[in-house]
Amino acid sequence: KHKLLVAFLLLLTLGGTAWALATSAQTKEAAGSYVLLSAPRPPDNRDGTPTIVANNPFTDMEQSTVVDVLVRAMATEQIATELRDGGLVGTYRVAGNQDFVRGPLFDMFVTAPTAEEALAGYELLVDKLGETLRQRQIDAGANPSYLITMQRVSDPVVSTPGLVGRVRTGVTLLAVGVVVTVGLTLAME
């Protein structure tokens, strides 16, 4: 009875969904991994006994615990503000390694509007994390010559995150459009 109305509403639903998905913000994510390296051992004295250096409490912790400390330190509002002030665009996340339960590895992610901004933000995040690791050890009384350091495991990879979210949005828009079309058709009856 109302074929023209149904066709128009379904066309409107499909077109609106396609437009919303096409114009939704496309972001890029730079992701990479780092590993903690043990602090260097102090040289032995001439008599063969180890040289005494200032105690670094971080070297007495399991490296996975040091990773946890760094993850929590990087999640503070102070660090987020410093990164934004330093030029980071978008959001960031530092996480203990995603592939293993615990260990000396950690993963870093920066999501930004463009690939260039994601990579630039990733390098800012790396520098800030290295600075935070160094400063935490020095604040704990460690000798600056005997600190835990970090090393890049993999270069950052840029990808497009959020595909699942966009598909979910598209399905929701289609469902709402179908419900509205059926509802209007029934109301016209």
C-alpha atoms as a PDB file:
ATOM      1  CA  LYS A   1       0.000   0.000   0.000  1.00  0.00           C
ATOM      2  CA  HIS A   2       2.792   2.429   0.936  1.00  0.00           C
ATOM      3  CA  LYS A   3       5.530   1.092  -1.322  1.00  0.00           C
ATOM      4  CA  LEU A   4       6.776   4.535  -2.285  1.00  0.00           C
ATOM      5  CA  LEU A   5       7.101   5.643   1.356  1.00  0.00           C
ATOM      6  CA  VAL A   6       8.889   2.408   2.323  1.00  0.00           C
ATOM      7  CA  ALA A   7      11.256   2.661  -0.653  1.00  0.00           C
ATOM      8  CA  PHE A   8      12.021   6.315   0.162  1.00  0.00           C
ATOM      9  CA  LEU A   9      12.659   5.603   3.860  1.00  0.00           C
ATOM     10  CA  LEU A  10      14.874   2.582   3.129  1.00  0.00           C
ATOM     11  CA  LEU A  11      16.828   4.586   0.556  1.00  0.00           C
ATOM     12  CA  LEU A  12      17.178   7.385   3.095  1.00  0.00           C
ATOM     13  CA  THR A  13      18.375   4.866   5.719  1.00  0.00           C
ATOM     14  CA  LEU A  14      20.945   3.274   3.415  1.00  0.00           C
ATOM     15  CA  GLY A  15      22.199   6.634   2.169  1.00  0.00           C
ATOM     16  CA  GLY A  16      22.405   8.086   5.660  1.00  0.00           C
ATOM     17  CA  THR A  17      24.281   5.057   6.964  1.00  0.00           C
ATOM     18  CA  ALA A  18      26.762   5.153   4.069  1.00  0.00           C
ATOM     19  CA  TRP A  19      27.304   8.894   4.560  1.00  0.00           C
ATOM     20  CA  ALA A  20      27.800   8.528   8.333  1.00  0.00           C
ATOM     21  CA  LEU A  21      30.357   5.741   7.875  1.00  0.00           C
ATOM     22  CA  ALA A  22      32.213   7.586   5.121  1.00  0.00           C
ATOM     23  CA  THR A  23      32.467  10.831   7.073  1.00  0.00           C
ATOM     24  CA  SER A  24      33.212   9.308  10.473  1.00  0.00           C
ATOM     25  CA  ALA A  25      36.611  10.302  11.790  1.00  0.00           C
ATOM     26  CA  GLN A  26      39.282   8.011  10.441  1.00  0.00           C
ATOM     27  CA  THR A  27      42.140   7.764  12.886  1.00  0.00           C
ATOM     28  CA  LYS A  28      45.576   6.203  12.687  1.00  0.00           C
ATOM     29  CA  GLU A  29      47.319   4.302  15.450  1.00  0.00           C
ATOM     30  CA  ALA A  30      51.079   3.899  15.864  1.00  0.00           C
ATOM     31  CA  ALA A  31      51.990   0.889  17.995  1.00  0.00           C
ATOM     32  CA  GLY A  32      55.311  -0.620  19.012  1.00  0.00           C
ATOM     33  CA  SER A  33      57.099  -2.520  21.755  1.00  0.00           C
ATOM     34  CA  TYR A  34      60.015  -1.930  24.103  1.00  0.00           C
ATOM     35  CA  VAL A  35      61.909  -4.132  26.535  1.00  0.00           C
ATOM     36  CA  LEU A  36      63.600  -3.226  29.807  1.00  0.00           C
ATOM     37  CA  LEU A  37      67.338  -3.859  29.990  1.00  0.00           C
ATOM     38  CA  SER A  38      69.043  -4.654  33.287  1.00  0.00           C
ATOM     39  CA  ALA A  39      71.259  -2.028  34.862  1.00  0.00           C
ATOM     40  CA  PRO A  40      74.967  -2.494  34.153  1.00  0.00           C
ATOM     41  CA  ARG A  41      76.976  -4.244  36.857  1.00  0.00           C
ATOM     42  CA  PRO A  42      79.529  -2.083  38.646  1.00  0.00           C
ATOM     43  CA  PRO A  43      83.142  -3.119  37.979  1.00  0.00           C
ATOM     44  CA  ASP A  44      85.016  -5.160  40.566  1.00  0.00           C
ATOM     45  CA  ASN A  45      87.656  -3.522  42.765  1.00  0.00           C
ATOM     46  CA  ARG A  46      91.307  -4.564  42.423  1.00  0.00           C
ATOM     47  CA  ASP A  47      90.841  -7.062  45.228  1.00  0.00           C
ATOM     48  CA  GLY A  48      87.951  -8.725  43.343  1.00  0.00           C
ATOM     49  CA  THR A  49      85.127  -7.379  45.499  1.00  0.00           C
ATOM     50  CA  PRO A  50      82.262  -5.591  43.780  1.00  0.00           C
ATOM     51  CA  THR A  51      82.335  -1.802  43.770  1.00  0.00           C
ATOM     52  CA  ILE A  52      79.691  -0.334  46.060  1.00  0.00           C
ATOM     53  CA  VAL A  53      77.307   2.026  44.270  1.00  0.00           C
ATOM     54  CA  ALA A  54      74.175   3.780  45.409  1.00  0.00           C
ATOM     55  CA  ASN A  55      71.340   1.293  45.741  1.00  0.00           C
ATOM     56  CA  ASN A  56      68.825   1.179  42.903  1.00  0.00           C
ATOM     57  CA  PRO A  57      65.648  -0.363  44.350  1.00  0.00           C
ATOM     58  CA  PHE A  58      64.305  -0.894  40.827  1.00  0.00           C
ATOM     59  CA  THR A  59      67.025  -3.486  40.150  1.00  0.00           C
ATOM     60  CA  ASP A  60      65.758  -5.534  43.117  1.00  0.00           C
ATOM     61  CA  MET A  61      62.246  -5.694  41.630  1.00  0.00           C
ATOM     62  CA  GLU A  62      61.132  -8.159  39.002  1.00  0.00           C
ATOM     63  CA  GLN A  63      61.210  -6.411  35.638  1.00  0.00           C
ATOM     64  CA  SER A  64      57.483  -7.049  35.222  1.00  0.00           C
ATOM     65  CA  THR A  65      56.921  -4.982  38.375  1.00  0.00           C
ATOM     66  CA  VAL A  66      58.993  -2.149  36.904  1.00  0.00           C
ATOM     67  CA  VAL A  67      56.780  -2.354  33.784  1.00  0.00           C
ATOM     68  CA  ASP A  68      53.690  -2.076  36.022  1.00  0.00           C
ATOM     69  CA  VAL A  69      55.179   0.982  37.767  1.00  0.00           C
ATOM     70  CA  LEU A  70      55.831   2.632  34.395  1.00  0.00           C
ATOM     71  CA  VAL A  71      52.365   1.820  33.062  1.00  0.00           C
ATOM     72  CA  ARG A  72      50.774   3.435  36.111  1.00  0.00           C
ATOM     73  CA  ALA A  73      53.118   6.434  36.013  1.00  0.00           C
ATOM     74  CA  MET A  74      52.308   7.098  32.360  1.00  0.00           C
ATOM     75  CA  ALA A  75      48.551   6.988  33.038  1.00  0.00           C
ATOM     76  CA  THR A  76      48.646  10.061  35.302  1.00  0.00           C
ATOM     77  CA  GLU A  77      47.063  13.366  34.348  1.00  0.00           C
ATOM     78  CA  GLN A  78      50.406  15.132  34.889  1.00  0.00           C
ATOM     79  CA  ILE A  79      52.136  13.015  32.240  1.00  0.00           C
ATOM     80  CA  ALA A  80      49.163  13.395  29.868  1.00  0.00           C
ATOM     81  CA  THR A  81      49.342  17.175  30.243  1.00  0.00           C
ATOM     82  CA  GLU A  82      53.103  17.209  29.675  1.00  0.00           C
ATOM     83  CA  LEU A  83      52.701  15.113  26.522  1.00  0.00           C
ATOM     84  CA  ARG A  84      49.929  17.367  25.177  1.00  0.00           C
ATOM     85  CA  ASP A  85      52.052  20.428  25.954  1.00  0.00           C
ATOM     86  CA  GLY A  86      54.938  18.728  24.134  1.00  0.00           C
ATOM     87  CA  GLY A  87      52.823  18.380  20.999  1.00  0.00           C
ATOM     88  CA  LEU A  88      51.107  14.996  21.267  1.00  0.00           C
ATOM     89  CA  VAL A  89      47.862  15.038  19.283  1.00  0.00           C
ATOM     90  CA  GLY A  90      45.264  12.406  20.081  1.00  0.00           C
ATOM     91  CA  THR A  91      45.424   9.751  22.783  1.00  0.00           C
ATOM     92  CA  TYR A  92      48.060   7.356  24.052  1.00  0.00           C
ATOM     93  CA  ARG A  93      48.281   4.166  26.049  1.00  0.00           C
ATOM     94  CA  VAL A  94      51.142   2.239  27.628  1.00  0.00           C
ATOM     95  CA  ALA A  95      50.435  -1.378  28.549  1.00  0.00           C
ATOM     96  CA  GLY A  96      52.295  -4.365  29.898  1.00  0.00           C
ATOM     97  CA  ASN A  97      52.983  -6.756  27.044  1.00  0.00           C
ATOM     98  CA  GLN A  98      49.712  -7.919  25.511  1.00  0.00           C
ATOM     99  CA  ASP A  99      51.054 -11.331  24.435  1.00  0.00           C
ATOM    100  CA  PHE A 100      52.459 -12.581  27.749  1.00  0.00           C
ATOM    101  CA  VAL A 101      51.094 -12.513  31.278  1.00  0.00           C
ATOM    102  CA  ARG A 102      54.099 -10.731  32.817  1.00  0.00           C
ATOM    103  CA  GLY A 103      57.557  -9.839  31.676  1.00  0.00           C
ATOM    104  CA  PRO A 104      59.967  -7.031  30.792  1.00  0.00           C
ATOM    105  CA  LEU A 105      58.114  -6.112  27.589  1.00  0.00           C
ATOM    106  CA  PHE A 106      55.615  -3.308  27.211  1.00  0.00           C
ATOM    107  CA  ASP A 107      53.540  -1.978  24.328  1.00  0.00           C
ATOM    108  CA  MET A 108      52.827   1.638  23.452  1.00  0.00           C
ATOM    109  CA  PHE A 109      49.988   3.036  21.335  1.00  0.00           C
ATOM    110  CA  VAL A 110      49.252   6.537  20.051  1.00  0.00           C
ATOM    111  CA  THR A 111      46.004   7.265  18.196  1.00  0.00           C
ATOM    112  CA  ALA A 112      45.819  10.489  16.178  1.00  0.00           C
ATOM    113  CA  PRO A 113      43.934  11.917  13.172  1.00  0.00           C
ATOM    114  CA  THR A 114      46.836  11.275  10.726  1.00  0.00           C
ATOM    115  CA  ALA A 115      49.660   8.760  10.426  1.00  0.00           C
ATOM    116  CA  GLU A 116      52.266  11.536  10.745  1.00  0.00           C
ATOM    117  CA  GLU A 117      50.726  12.804  13.991  1.00  0.00           C
ATOM    118  CA  ALA A 118      50.504   9.249  15.350  1.00  0.00           C
ATOM    119  CA  LEU A 119      54.188   8.592  14.616  1.00  0.00           C
ATOM    120  CA  ALA A 120      55.283  11.969  16.019  1.00  0.00           C
ATOM    121  CA  GLY A 121      53.202  11.333  19.148  1.00  0.00           C
ATOM    122  CA  TYR A 122      54.692   7.849  19.459  1.00  0.00           C
ATOM    123  CA  GLU A 123      58.228   9.277  19.502  1.00  0.00           C
ATOM    124  CA  LEU A 124      57.158  11.871  22.114  1.00  0.00           C
ATOM    125  CA  LEU A 125      55.706   9.040  24.211  1.00  0.00           C
ATOM    126  CA  VAL A 126      58.927   7.009  23.914  1.00  0.00           C
ATOM    127  CA  ASP A 127      61.023   9.976  25.032  1.00  0.00           C
ATOM    128  CA  LYS A 128      58.679  10.702  27.962  1.00  0.00           C
ATOM    129  CA  LEU A 129      58.663   7.056  29.049  1.00  0.00           C
ATOM    130  CA  GLY A 130      62.481   6.901  28.966  1.00  0.00           C
ATOM    131  CA  GLU A 131      62.682  10.140  30.923  1.00  0.00           C
ATOM    132  CA  THR A 132      60.141   8.842  33.474  1.00  0.00           C
ATOM    133  CA  LEU A 133      62.035   5.555  33.909  1.00  0.00           C
ATOM    134  CA  ARG A 134      65.300   7.409  34.467  1.00  0.00           C
ATOM    135  CA  GLN A 135      63.806   9.997  36.837  1.00  0.00           C
ATOM    136  CA  ARG A 136      61.976   7.409  38.967  1.00  0.00           C
ATOM    137  CA  GLN A 137      65.253   5.542  39.557  1.00  0.00           C
ATOM    138  CA  ILE A 138      67.238   8.694  40.344  1.00  0.00           C
ATOM    139  CA  ASP A 139      64.488   9.868  42.720  1.00  0.00           C
ATOM    140  CA  ALA A 140      64.842   6.501  44.503  1.00  0.00           C
ATOM    141  CA  GLY A 141      68.555   7.172  45.081  1.00  0.00           C
ATOM    142  CA  ALA A 142      70.083   5.215  42.199  1.00  0.00           C
ATOM    143  CA  ASN A 143      73.516   6.066  40.801  1.00  0.00           C
ATOM    144  CA  PRO A 144      72.888   7.566  37.318  1.00  0.00           C
ATOM    145  CA  SER A 145      75.623   5.318  35.870  1.00  0.00           C
ATOM    146  CA  TYR A 146      73.756   2.146  36.899  1.00  0.00           C
ATOM    147  CA  LEU A 147      70.172   2.509  35.739  1.00  0.00           C
ATOM    148  CA  ILE A 148      67.701   0.170  34.085  1.00  0.00           C
ATOM    149  CA  THR A 149      67.190   1.308  30.495  1.00  0.00           C
ATOM    150  CA  MET A 150      64.844   0.392  27.688  1.00  0.00           C
ATOM    151  CA  GLN A 151      65.369  -0.700  24.113  1.00  0.00           C
ATOM    152  CA  ARG A 152      63.075  -0.726  21.090  1.00  0.00           C
ATOM    153  CA  VAL A 153      61.908  -4.207  20.141  1.00  0.00           C
ATOM    154  CA  SER A 154      59.974  -3.185  17.037  1.00  0.00           C
ATOM    155  CA  ASP A 155      59.516  -0.032  15.021  1.00  0.00           C
ATOM    156  CA  PRO A 156      56.071   1.503  15.352  1.00  0.00           C
ATOM    157  CA  VAL A 157      53.447   0.127  12.986  1.00  0.00           C
ATOM    158  CA  VAL A 158      50.691   2.449  11.788  1.00  0.00           C
ATOM    159  CA  SER A 159      47.205   1.013  11.359  1.00  0.00           C
ATOM    160  CA  THR A 160      43.594   2.161  11.236  1.00  0.00           C
ATOM    161  CA  PRO A 161      41.825   1.220  14.483  1.00  0.00           C
ATOM    162  CA  GLY A 162      38.133   1.186  15.184  1.00  0.00           C
ATOM    163  CA  LEU A 163      36.812  -0.859  12.270  1.00  0.00           C
ATOM    164  CA  VAL A 164      34.641  -2.857  14.664  1.00  0.00           C
ATOM    165  CA  GLY A 165      33.210   0.356  16.120  1.00  0.00           C
ATOM    166  CA  ARG A 166      32.341   1.709  12.676  1.00  0.00           C
ATOM    167  CA  VAL A 167      30.673  -1.570  11.672  1.00  0.00           C
ATOM    168  CA  ARG A 168      28.695  -1.544  14.933  1.00  0.00           C
ATOM    169  CA  THR A 169      27.601   2.050  14.234  1.00  0.00           C
ATOM    170  CA  GLY A 170      26.527   1.093  10.707  1.00  0.00           C
ATOM    171  CA  VAL A 171      24.476  -1.865  11.916  1.00  0.00           C
ATOM    172  CA  THR A 172      22.833   0.307  14.579  1.00  0.00           C
ATOM    173  CA  LEU A 173      21.925   2.997  12.042  1.00  0.00           C
ATOM    174  CA  LEU A 174      20.473   0.392   9.693  1.00  0.00           C
ATOM    175  CA  ALA A 175      18.434  -1.175  12.502  1.00  0.00           C
ATOM    176  CA  VAL A 176      17.074   2.207  13.596  1.00  0.00           C
ATOM    177  CA  GLY A 177      16.196   3.049   9.990  1.00  0.00           C
ATOM    178  CA  VAL A 178      14.324  -0.218   9.521  1.00  0.00           C
ATOM    179  CA  VAL A 179      12.436   0.235  12.810  1.00  0.00           C
ATOM    180  CA  VAL A 180      11.470   3.805  11.853  1.00  0.00           C
ATOM    181  CA  THR A 181      10.387   2.642   8.381  1.00  0.00           C
ATOM    182  CA  VAL A 182       8.221  -0.154   9.799  1.00  0.00           C
ATOM    183  CA  GLY A 183       6.861   2.135  12.524  1.00  0.00           C
ATOM    184  CA  LEU A 184       5.890   4.884  10.062  1.00  0.00           C
ATOM    185  CA  THR A 185       4.328   2.360   7.704  1.00  0.00           C
ATOM    186  CA  LEU A 186       2.239   0.863  10.507  1.00  0.00           C
ATOM    187  CA  ALA A 187       1.280   4.358  11.708  1.00  0.00           C
ATOM    188  CA  MET A 188       0.078   5.217   8.203  1.00  0.00           C
ATOM    189  CA  GLU A 189      -2.230   2.172   8.271  1.00  0.00           C
END
